[in-house]
N, C-alpha and C. Protein backbone atom coordinates (compact mmCIF):
# COMPACT_ATOMS: atom_id res chain seq x y z
N ALA A 1 106.50 108.97 87.43
CA ALA A 1 105.66 109.42 86.96
C ALA A 1 104.22 108.86 86.38
N ALA A 2 104.88 107.37 85.94
CA ALA A 2 103.62 106.76 84.86
C ALA A 2 102.73 106.30 86.16
N ALA A 3 103.52 105.82 87.21
CA ALA A 3 102.30 105.11 88.35
C ALA A 3 101.62 105.99 88.89
N ALA A 4 102.36 107.64 89.04
CA ALA A 4 101.43 108.52 89.80
C ALA A 4 100.11 109.04 88.72
N ARG A 5 100.63 109.04 87.54
CA ARG A 5 99.39 109.23 86.37
C ARG A 5 98.29 108.13 86.50
N LEU A 6 98.78 106.99 86.49
CA LEU A 6 98.22 105.84 86.20
C LEU A 6 96.97 105.82 87.66
N THR A 7 97.79 106.00 88.66
CA THR A 7 97.03 105.99 90.02
C THR A 7 95.94 107.40 90.30
N ARG A 8 96.50 108.59 89.48
CA ARG A 8 95.65 109.63 89.55
C ARG A 8 93.95 109.04 88.58
N HIS A 9 94.59 108.40 87.58
CA HIS A 9 93.41 108.57 86.78
C HIS A 9 92.49 107.09 87.21
N PHE A 10 92.93 106.23 88.17
CA PHE A 10 92.04 104.99 88.87
C PHE A 10 91.50 105.84 89.91
N HIS A 11 92.09 106.39 90.76
CA HIS A 11 91.34 107.08 91.51
C HIS A 11 90.16 108.19 90.96
N TRP A 12 90.60 108.88 89.94
CA TRP A 12 89.31 109.79 89.45
C TRP A 12 88.06 109.03 88.74
N LEU A 13 88.16 107.68 88.33
CA LEU A 13 87.28 106.80 88.14
C LEU A 13 86.49 106.37 89.07
N GLY A 14 86.96 106.55 90.30
CA GLY A 14 86.16 106.11 91.63
C GLY A 14 86.69 104.72 91.92
N PHE A 15 87.73 104.47 91.60
CA PHE A 15 88.25 102.82 92.19
C PHE A 15 89.56 103.76 93.07
N ASN A 16 89.30 102.24 93.87
CA ASN A 16 90.49 102.20 95.18
C ASN A 16 91.19 100.91 95.12
N HIS A 17 92.26 100.75 95.48
CA HIS A 17 93.01 99.13 95.84
C HIS A 17 93.45 99.20 97.21
N ARG A 18 92.58 98.32 97.54
CA ARG A 18 92.83 98.18 99.09
C ARG A 18 94.27 97.39 99.66
N ASP A 19 94.96 96.92 98.91
CA ASP A 19 96.32 96.75 99.14
C ASP A 19 97.17 97.33 97.94
N TYR A 20 97.37 98.47 97.73
CA TYR A 20 98.18 99.19 96.96
C TYR A 20 99.50 99.16 96.85
N TYR A 21 100.20 98.35 96.58
CA TYR A 21 101.97 98.78 97.01
C TYR A 21 102.47 98.36 95.31
N LEU A 22 103.76 98.85 95.26
CA LEU A 22 104.20 98.95 93.68
C LEU A 22 104.34 97.22 93.17
N CYS A 23 104.45 96.33 94.09
CA CYS A 23 104.35 95.08 93.28
C CYS A 23 102.98 94.96 92.51
N HIS A 24 102.01 95.95 92.86
CA HIS A 24 100.83 95.48 92.21
C HIS A 24 100.53 96.53 90.99
N LEU A 25 101.74 96.82 90.64
CA LEU A 25 101.86 97.55 89.24
C LEU A 25 102.53 96.63 88.34
N PHE A 26 102.01 96.09 87.19
CA PHE A 26 102.89 95.49 86.19
C PHE A 26 103.32 96.06 85.10
N ALA A 27 104.58 96.24 84.70
CA ALA A 27 105.32 96.94 83.64
C ALA A 27 105.49 95.68 82.43
N ARG A 28 104.70 96.11 81.44
CA ARG A 28 104.52 95.32 80.34
C ARG A 28 106.24 95.26 79.59
N PRO A 29 107.14 94.38 79.36
CA PRO A 29 107.97 94.57 78.96
C PRO A 29 108.25 94.53 77.60
N GLY A 30 109.06 95.37 77.03
CA GLY A 30 109.27 95.46 75.68
C GLY A 30 109.69 96.97 75.48
N ASP A 31 108.94 97.89 74.80
CA ASP A 31 109.44 99.37 74.51
C ASP A 31 109.59 99.89 75.46
N SER A 32 110.83 100.53 75.63
CA SER A 32 111.11 101.18 77.39
C SER A 32 110.44 102.67 76.88
N GLU A 33 110.48 103.34 76.07
CA GLU A 33 109.78 104.47 75.59
C GLU A 33 108.34 104.60 76.34
N ALA A 34 107.51 103.39 75.93
CA ALA A 34 105.93 103.32 76.26
C ALA A 34 106.03 103.45 77.75
N GLU A 35 105.25 103.88 78.36
CA GLU A 35 104.77 103.83 79.83
C GLU A 35 103.33 102.72 79.90
N ASP A 36 103.73 101.53 79.65
CA ASP A 36 102.61 100.57 79.66
C ASP A 36 102.49 99.97 81.07
N LEU A 37 101.90 100.66 82.07
CA LEU A 37 101.59 99.94 83.38
C LEU A 37 99.90 99.36 83.29
N ARG A 38 99.81 98.51 84.41
CA ARG A 38 98.66 97.72 84.36
C ARG A 38 98.70 97.56 86.08
N ILE A 39 97.36 97.54 86.38
CA ILE A 39 97.24 97.36 87.88
C ILE A 39 96.49 95.74 88.19
N ILE A 40 97.50 94.96 88.99
CA ILE A 40 97.09 93.84 89.04
C ILE A 40 96.26 93.52 90.39
N ASP A 41 96.04 92.20 90.93
CA ASP A 41 95.24 91.79 91.95
C ASP A 41 94.02 92.47 92.17
N LEU A 42 93.00 92.76 91.00
CA LEU A 42 91.59 93.25 90.76
C LEU A 42 90.73 93.06 91.99
N GLN A 43 91.01 91.71 92.36
CA GLN A 43 89.94 91.36 93.38
C GLN A 43 90.05 92.17 94.72
N ARG A 44 90.90 92.92 94.99
CA ARG A 44 91.06 94.06 96.43
C ARG A 44 90.80 95.17 95.62
N VAL A 45 89.94 95.68 94.48
CA VAL A 45 89.89 96.81 94.21
C VAL A 45 87.86 97.47 94.64
N GLY A 46 88.07 98.54 94.97
CA GLY A 46 86.45 98.95 95.47
C GLY A 46 86.33 99.97 94.89
N TYR A 47 85.13 100.56 94.73
CA TYR A 47 84.29 101.48 93.64
C TYR A 47 83.65 102.24 94.67
N HIS A 48 84.06 103.69 94.43
CA HIS A 48 83.05 104.60 95.50
C HIS A 48 83.20 106.11 94.75
N LEU A 49 82.13 106.31 94.33
CA LEU A 49 82.18 107.67 93.48
C LEU A 49 80.90 108.58 94.44
N PRO A 50 81.46 109.74 94.98
CA PRO A 50 83.10 110.17 94.95
C PRO A 50 83.74 109.43 96.01
N LEU A 51 85.05 109.20 95.42
CA LEU A 51 86.12 108.47 96.23
C LEU A 51 86.70 109.03 97.43
N SER A 52 86.64 108.89 98.47
CA SER A 52 87.05 109.74 99.50
C SER A 52 88.50 109.91 99.89
N SER A 53 88.89 111.21 100.55
CA SER A 53 90.34 111.05 100.93
C SER A 53 90.94 110.16 101.59
N ARG A 54 90.16 109.56 102.12
CA ARG A 54 90.54 108.31 103.20
C ARG A 54 91.36 107.28 102.28
N TRP A 55 90.44 106.82 101.13
CA TRP A 55 90.85 105.91 100.26
C TRP A 55 92.12 106.25 99.55
N ILE A 56 91.84 107.65 98.89
CA ILE A 56 93.25 108.00 98.39
C ILE A 56 94.39 108.17 99.09
N VAL A 57 94.52 108.35 100.18
CA VAL A 57 95.64 108.73 101.42
C VAL A 57 96.27 107.43 101.57
N LYS A 58 95.19 106.07 101.67
CA LYS A 58 95.45 104.69 101.92
C LYS A 58 96.30 104.15 100.80
N ASP A 59 95.75 104.63 99.59
CA ASP A 59 96.63 104.06 98.44
C ASP A 59 97.92 104.41 98.29
N LEU A 60 97.65 105.95 98.33
CA LEU A 60 98.93 106.75 98.10
C LEU A 60 100.04 106.40 98.95
N ALA A 61 100.02 106.06 100.52
CA ALA A 61 100.79 105.93 101.27
C ALA A 61 101.37 104.59 101.05
N GLY A 62 100.40 103.52 100.48
CA GLY A 62 100.96 101.93 100.33
C GLY A 62 101.98 102.07 99.27
N LEU A 63 101.71 103.05 97.92
CA LEU A 63 102.97 103.25 97.31
C LEU A 63 103.98 103.83 97.73
N HIS A 64 103.98 104.88 98.35
CA HIS A 64 105.05 105.60 99.23
C HIS A 64 105.52 104.63 100.06
N TYR A 65 104.97 103.64 100.92
CA TYR A 65 105.82 102.75 101.66
C TYR A 65 106.94 101.78 100.99
N SER A 66 105.93 101.25 100.08
CA SER A 66 106.77 100.30 98.81
C SER A 66 107.86 100.75 97.98
N SER A 67 107.77 101.81 98.04
CA SER A 67 108.84 102.43 97.17
C SER A 67 110.22 102.64 97.95
N PHE A 68 110.10 102.34 99.37
CA PHE A 68 111.49 102.54 100.09
C PHE A 68 112.27 101.23 99.59
N GLY A 69 111.98 100.13 99.24
CA GLY A 69 113.03 99.37 98.61
C GLY A 69 113.53 99.70 97.29
N LEU A 70 113.14 100.62 96.69
CA LEU A 70 113.92 101.12 95.39
C LEU A 70 115.04 102.01 95.68
N PRO A 71 115.74 102.43 94.68
CA PRO A 71 116.68 103.33 94.68
C PRO A 71 116.40 104.74 94.42
N LEU A 72 115.29 105.23 95.20
CA LEU A 72 114.86 106.28 94.94
C LEU A 72 115.16 107.44 95.85
N THR A 73 115.27 108.65 95.38
CA THR A 73 115.28 109.80 96.61
C THR A 73 114.46 110.23 96.79
N ASP A 74 114.35 111.08 97.94
CA ASP A 74 113.16 111.83 98.72
C ASP A 74 112.36 112.54 97.59
N ARG A 75 113.23 113.41 96.58
CA ARG A 75 113.17 114.31 95.52
C ARG A 75 112.37 113.39 94.62
N ASP A 76 112.67 112.01 94.36
CA ASP A 76 111.84 111.37 93.23
C ASP A 76 110.27 111.06 93.70
N ARG A 77 110.14 110.76 95.41
CA ARG A 77 109.08 110.74 95.64
C ARG A 77 108.04 111.84 95.65
N LEU A 78 108.63 113.37 96.03
CA LEU A 78 108.01 114.23 96.00
C LEU A 78 107.32 114.63 94.63
N ARG A 79 108.26 114.42 93.63
CA ARG A 79 108.11 114.46 92.41
C ARG A 79 106.65 113.82 91.86
N SER A 80 107.04 112.36 92.33
CA SER A 80 105.95 111.39 92.12
C SER A 80 104.54 111.99 92.47
N CYS A 81 104.57 112.31 93.61
CA CYS A 81 103.39 113.28 94.14
C CYS A 81 102.74 114.39 93.52
N ALA A 82 103.66 115.32 92.83
CA ALA A 82 103.37 116.35 92.05
C ALA A 82 102.49 115.74 90.71
N PHE A 83 103.35 114.77 90.39
CA PHE A 83 102.39 114.10 89.26
C PHE A 83 101.35 113.64 89.55
N TYR A 84 100.83 113.23 90.70
CA TYR A 84 99.47 112.72 91.07
C TYR A 84 98.50 113.90 90.96
N SER A 85 99.08 115.08 91.82
CA SER A 85 98.43 116.06 92.57
C SER A 85 97.57 116.88 90.95
N CYS A 86 99.11 117.01 90.24
CA CYS A 86 98.71 117.80 89.03
C CYS A 86 98.25 119.54 89.19
N GLY A 87 98.70 120.08 90.36
CA GLY A 87 98.05 121.16 90.60
C GLY A 87 96.51 121.15 91.54
N LEU A 88 96.11 119.71 91.87
CA LEU A 88 94.92 120.14 92.85
C LEU A 88 95.33 121.00 94.34
N ARG A 89 94.30 121.10 94.68
CA ARG A 89 93.95 122.08 96.08
C ARG A 89 94.19 121.11 96.79
N GLY A 90 95.01 121.59 97.83
CA GLY A 90 95.30 121.11 99.13
C GLY A 90 96.40 119.58 98.68
N ARG A 91 97.36 119.89 98.17
CA ARG A 91 98.19 118.88 97.62
C ARG A 91 99.05 119.04 99.02
N LYS A 92 99.45 120.22 99.66
CA LYS A 92 100.23 120.12 100.76
C LYS A 92 99.72 119.20 102.16
N ARG A 93 98.30 119.09 102.24
CA ARG A 93 97.51 118.58 103.24
C ARG A 93 97.50 117.15 102.73
N GLN A 94 97.31 116.93 101.71
CA GLN A 94 97.20 115.59 101.29
C GLN A 94 98.84 114.90 101.10
N LEU A 95 99.63 115.20 101.21
CA LEU A 95 101.20 114.98 101.21
C LEU A 95 101.35 114.98 102.88
N LYS A 96 100.77 115.42 103.48
CA LYS A 96 101.24 115.22 104.91
C LYS A 96 100.54 113.95 105.59
N TRP A 97 99.37 113.82 105.06
CA TRP A 97 98.57 112.54 105.53
C TRP A 97 99.28 111.69 104.82
N VAL A 98 99.87 111.31 103.55
CA VAL A 98 100.21 110.26 102.93
C VAL A 98 101.79 109.95 103.94
N LEU A 99 102.31 111.42 104.32
CA LEU A 99 103.44 110.57 105.12
C LEU A 99 103.35 110.16 106.50
N ARG A 100 102.01 110.69 106.85
CA ARG A 100 101.57 110.26 108.44
C ARG A 100 101.11 108.93 108.29
N LYS A 101 100.50 108.64 107.26
CA LYS A 101 100.06 107.01 107.02
C LYS A 101 101.04 105.90 106.60
N SER A 102 102.45 106.30 105.85
CA SER A 102 102.93 105.30 105.76
C SER A 102 103.82 104.74 106.75
N PRO A 103 103.92 105.69 107.75
CA PRO A 103 104.66 104.62 108.84
C PRO A 103 103.78 103.73 109.69
N ALA A 104 102.67 104.02 109.93
CA ALA A 104 101.57 103.19 110.27
C ALA A 104 101.28 102.03 109.38
N ILE A 105 101.63 102.04 107.96
CA ILE A 105 101.79 101.05 107.20
C ILE A 105 103.01 100.01 107.63
N ALA A 106 104.22 100.98 107.92
CA ALA A 106 105.48 100.17 107.95
C ALA A 106 105.32 99.28 109.30
N ARG A 107 104.35 99.86 110.22
CA ARG A 107 104.39 99.43 111.70
C ARG A 107 103.44 98.25 111.38
N HIS A 108 102.35 98.18 110.63
CA HIS A 108 101.54 97.49 110.54
C HIS A 108 102.48 95.89 109.89
N ASP A 109 103.15 96.23 108.62
CA ASP A 109 103.74 95.29 108.09
C ASP A 109 104.67 94.46 109.00
N LEU A 110 105.38 95.12 109.67
CA LEU A 110 106.59 94.76 110.54
C LEU A 110 105.74 94.10 111.69
N HIS A 111 104.52 94.12 112.29
CA HIS A 111 103.93 93.56 112.96
C HIS A 111 103.10 92.21 112.19
N LEU A 112 103.04 92.16 111.03
CA LEU A 112 102.52 91.03 110.38
C LEU A 112 103.86 90.14 109.98
N ARG A 113 105.04 90.84 109.80
CA ARG A 113 106.24 89.65 109.77
C ARG A 113 106.49 89.02 110.96
N GLN A 114 106.70 89.97 112.15
CA GLN A 114 106.86 89.20 113.26
C GLN A 114 106.06 87.93 113.52
N ALA A 115 104.60 88.43 113.65
CA ALA A 115 103.78 87.06 113.97
C ALA A 115 103.81 85.87 113.24
N ASN A 116 104.31 86.27 111.66
CA ASN A 116 104.40 85.01 110.75
C ASN A 116 105.66 84.57 110.81
N GLU A 117 106.81 85.02 111.54
CA GLU A 117 108.05 84.50 112.05
C GLU A 117 107.91 83.84 113.42
N GLN A 118 107.11 83.91 114.20
CA GLN A 118 106.89 83.52 115.32
C GLN A 118 105.76 82.56 115.44
N GLY A 119 105.04 82.11 114.05
CA GLY A 119 104.33 81.28 114.03
C GLY A 119 102.97 81.42 114.43
N LYS A 120 102.82 82.49 114.62
CA LYS A 120 101.40 83.20 115.28
C LYS A 120 100.23 82.69 114.36
N SER A 121 100.56 83.34 112.96
CA SER A 121 99.75 82.93 112.16
C SER A 121 99.46 81.81 111.44
N SER A 122 98.48 81.06 111.22
CA SER A 122 98.40 79.97 110.61
C SER A 122 98.36 79.86 109.02
N PRO A 123 98.94 78.78 108.83
CA PRO A 123 98.90 78.82 106.99
C PRO A 123 97.52 78.48 106.76
N PRO A 124 97.83 79.25 105.35
CA PRO A 124 96.11 79.16 104.73
C PRO A 124 95.73 77.47 104.61
N LYS A 125 94.53 77.01 104.51
CA LYS A 125 93.97 75.90 104.60
C LYS A 125 93.95 75.80 102.77
N VAL A 126 94.48 74.44 102.79
CA VAL A 126 94.57 74.15 101.23
C VAL A 126 93.33 73.03 100.99
N ALA A 127 92.61 72.76 100.11
CA ALA A 127 91.55 71.63 99.80
C ALA A 127 92.44 70.61 99.57
N GLN A 128 91.86 69.32 99.91
CA GLN A 128 92.92 68.17 99.92
C GLN A 128 91.76 67.46 98.58
N ALA A 129 92.62 66.67 97.69
CA ALA A 129 92.02 66.10 96.69
C ALA A 129 91.85 64.38 97.46
N ARG A 130 90.29 64.09 96.76
CA ARG A 130 89.95 62.73 97.36
C ARG A 130 90.22 61.62 96.22
């Protein structure tokens, strides 16, 4: 619920994260009652006002895809979508787009992992000290 509300507010302000997964949400340790989440890896943030549905769906699909590594049920994931939408019109259509985009992200992620395992991806260049 906290992640969905934070994401909704983030999008409402006109921001999107081009690489938005659960690992880019930081939960501050401490009081378990407080929902103190922060978005990290901000160099990937874009600003578009109004924010198009393309960016919203991409961000939500990234969150949805990354949630498969957690012990969540499908009902939990749908509840999260409801917290994000909060009665907005077109919620069913948006959910369909997210559910269609999530497998595409999974296929892309699998392709990148396989390319890395086969050594097709060159390691990043590191500056040498002189």
